[in-house]
Amino acid sequence: MLLTRVGADDLAAVTQFLQDADLTLSGLDAPTVRLWLERNGDGRIVGTTGYELSDDRAHALIRSVAVATSARSTGRGSRLATFALTQAAAEGARTAWLFSRRSGGFWQGLGFRPANRDDLAGVLAETHQVALFRQTGQLDGEVAWSRPLDGP
């Protein structure tokens, strides 16, 4: 798995990929959002992963973990998620959080447990995704998950 950091030249393609996956697009171009992508041999995006850190860097909001339909059931999603978790821990995050209404079983397989969405929104209040969910009223319908992270 060869991941590259998303740059300005990748942004349009990544945005379309995440839109097709029905994932949040807020803040993709912000310097606080860390995003990576994986391309296949034809140059098409087959996976993405990323996160945002809290202001104190102790918490990471995992986001934008997506796998192309043609590349699913290969373990790619787990590898992408694990990459983001490892990178966030290397930056000092001690707890990972995420929103997922549809993929709870997947995240539980990676050690996540149900969490209080208000706790998530409190420690990650300045992230783009939390701000969007608050602004649109979507926060009340979200399902939160968390897990501790190992240090670097």
Protein backbone atom coordinates (compact mmCIF):
# COMPACT_ATOMS: atom_id res chain seq x y z
CA MET A 1 0.00 0.00 0.00
CA LEU A 2 1.59 3.22 -1.18
CA LEU A 3 -0.08 6.29 0.28
CA THR A 4 0.68 9.84 -0.75
CA ARG A 5 -0.30 13.02 1.03
CA VAL A 6 -3.16 14.81 -0.70
CA GLY A 7 -1.97 18.01 -2.34
CA ALA A 8 -3.72 20.83 -4.17
CA ASP A 9 -3.53 18.94 -7.47
CA ASP A 10 -5.37 15.96 -5.92
CA LEU A 11 -8.14 17.91 -4.22
CA ALA A 12 -10.77 17.80 -6.96
CA ALA A 13 -10.37 14.04 -7.49
CA VAL A 14 -10.36 13.32 -3.74
CA THR A 15 -13.44 15.48 -3.25
CA GLN A 16 -15.29 13.56 -5.96
CA PHE A 17 -14.12 10.23 -4.52
CA LEU A 18 -15.36 11.12 -1.03
CA GLN A 19 -18.59 12.55 -2.39
CA ASP A 20 -19.20 9.26 -4.23
CA ALA A 21 -18.54 7.46 -0.92
CA ASP A 22 -21.09 9.76 0.81
CA LEU A 23 -18.51 11.10 3.27
CA THR A 24 -18.13 14.60 4.69
CA LEU A 25 -16.33 17.08 2.44
CA SER A 26 -15.95 19.93 4.92
CA GLY A 27 -12.44 21.32 5.29
CA LEU A 28 -10.69 18.98 2.87
CA ASP A 29 -8.44 21.82 1.75
CA ALA A 30 -7.68 23.08 5.27
CA PRO A 31 -4.10 22.77 6.52
CA THR A 32 -5.40 21.18 9.74
CA VAL A 33 -6.87 18.23 7.84
CA ARG A 34 -4.36 15.48 7.11
CA LEU A 35 -5.36 13.39 4.09
CA TRP A 36 -3.69 10.61 2.14
CA LEU A 37 -4.73 8.72 -0.94
CA GLU A 38 -3.87 5.47 -2.63
CA ARG A 39 -3.99 5.05 -6.41
CA ASN A 40 -4.09 1.87 -8.44
CA GLY A 41 -1.81 1.11 -11.39
CA ASP A 42 -4.08 3.12 -13.70
CA GLY A 43 -3.77 6.18 -11.48
CA ARG A 44 -7.34 6.03 -10.16
CA ILE A 45 -7.95 6.63 -6.47
CA VAL A 46 -8.78 3.38 -4.67
CA GLY A 47 -8.60 4.61 -1.09
CA THR A 48 -8.33 7.60 1.19
CA THR A 49 -7.73 8.17 4.87
CA GLY A 50 -7.20 11.10 7.19
CA TYR A 51 -7.82 12.92 10.44
CA GLU A 52 -7.98 16.26 12.22
CA LEU A 53 -6.39 16.93 15.61
CA SER A 54 -7.89 18.80 18.52
CA ASP A 55 -6.31 22.13 19.43
CA ASP A 56 -4.38 20.44 22.25
CA ARG A 57 -3.39 17.59 19.88
CA ALA A 58 -4.55 14.97 22.39
CA HIS A 59 -7.55 13.87 20.30
CA ALA A 60 -7.86 12.88 16.66
CA LEU A 61 -11.04 12.85 14.58
CA ILE A 62 -10.57 10.05 12.07
CA ARG A 63 -12.26 10.90 8.78
CA SER A 64 -12.29 10.30 5.05
CA VAL A 65 -11.54 6.57 5.30
CA ALA A 66 -12.97 5.24 2.06
CA VAL A 67 -12.27 2.40 -0.36
CA ALA A 68 -13.38 2.20 -3.99
CA THR A 69 -16.12 -0.36 -4.55
CA SER A 70 -13.82 -2.37 -6.83
CA ALA A 71 -11.15 -2.61 -4.10
CA ARG A 72 -13.29 -3.63 -1.13
CA SER A 73 -13.01 -6.89 0.83
CA THR A 74 -9.22 -6.90 0.50
CA GLY A 75 -8.29 -5.50 3.92
CA ARG A 76 -7.56 -2.12 2.37
CA GLY A 77 -10.01 -0.27 4.64
CA SER A 78 -8.37 -1.67 7.77
CA ARG A 79 -4.92 -0.75 6.48
CA LEU A 80 -6.05 2.78 5.62
CA ALA A 81 -7.68 3.28 9.01
CA THR A 82 -4.67 1.86 10.84
CA PHE A 83 -2.39 4.22 8.92
CA ALA A 84 -4.42 7.24 10.09
CA LEU A 85 -4.45 5.96 13.68
CA THR A 86 -0.68 5.45 13.64
CA GLN A 87 -0.02 8.89 12.15
CA ALA A 88 -2.32 10.59 14.66
CA ALA A 89 -0.59 8.82 17.55
CA ALA A 90 2.79 9.87 16.17
CA GLU A 91 1.56 13.49 16.33
CA GLY A 92 0.70 13.04 20.00
CA ALA A 93 -2.98 12.09 19.92
CA ARG A 94 -3.97 9.74 22.74
CA THR A 95 -7.61 9.14 21.78
CA ALA A 96 -9.16 8.59 18.36
CA TRP A 97 -12.76 9.50 17.70
CA LEU A 98 -15.03 9.24 14.68
CA PHE A 99 -18.61 9.47 13.49
CA SER A 100 -20.15 6.46 11.75
CA ARG A 101 -23.81 5.56 11.39
CA ARG A 102 -23.21 2.75 8.89
CA SER A 103 -19.88 1.08 9.63
CA GLY A 104 -19.90 0.39 13.36
CA GLY A 105 -18.92 -3.26 12.93
CA PHE A 106 -15.89 -2.31 10.86
CA TRP A 107 -14.72 0.22 13.46
CA GLN A 108 -15.36 -2.18 16.35
CA GLY A 109 -13.00 -4.61 14.62
CA LEU A 110 -10.32 -1.93 14.95
CA GLY A 111 -10.91 -1.46 18.68
CA PHE A 112 -13.44 1.36 18.63
CA ARG A 113 -16.31 1.39 21.11
CA PRO A 114 -19.51 3.45 21.16
CA ALA A 115 -18.89 6.92 22.59
CA ASN A 116 -20.88 9.95 23.63
CA ARG A 117 -21.22 12.28 20.63
CA ASP A 118 -21.31 15.32 22.92
CA ASP A 119 -17.98 14.26 24.43
CA LEU A 120 -16.55 13.95 20.91
CA ALA A 121 -17.97 17.36 19.94
CA GLY A 122 -16.51 18.87 23.09
CA VAL A 123 -12.91 17.71 22.68
CA LEU A 124 -12.91 18.21 18.91
CA ALA A 125 -15.04 21.36 18.76
CA GLU A 126 -12.74 23.20 16.37
CA THR A 127 -12.60 20.48 13.71
CA HIS A 128 -14.32 21.14 10.41
CA GLN A 129 -16.57 18.10 10.62
CA VAL A 130 -17.87 18.91 14.13
CA ALA A 131 -18.43 22.56 13.18
CA LEU A 132 -20.39 21.49 10.09
CA PHE A 133 -22.49 18.98 12.01
CA ARG A 134 -23.34 21.59 14.64
CA GLN A 135 -24.17 24.23 12.03
CA THR A 136 -26.47 21.92 10.05
CA GLY A 137 -28.08 20.19 13.05
CA GLN A 138 -26.64 16.86 11.89
CA LEU A 139 -24.76 16.31 15.16
CA ASP A 140 -27.87 15.06 16.98
CA GLY A 141 -28.24 12.18 14.51
CA GLU A 142 -24.62 11.06 14.49
CA VAL A 143 -23.15 7.97 16.14
CA ALA A 144 -19.80 8.48 17.84
CA TRP A 145 -17.00 5.96 18.41
CA SER A 146 -13.66 6.18 20.22
CA ARG A 147 -10.58 4.20 21.18
CA PRO A 148 -7.30 4.88 22.92
CA LEU A 149 -4.18 5.29 20.82
CA ASP A 150 -0.76 3.91 21.54
CA GLY A 151 2.03 6.43 21.80
CA PRO A 152 4.85 6.84 19.30
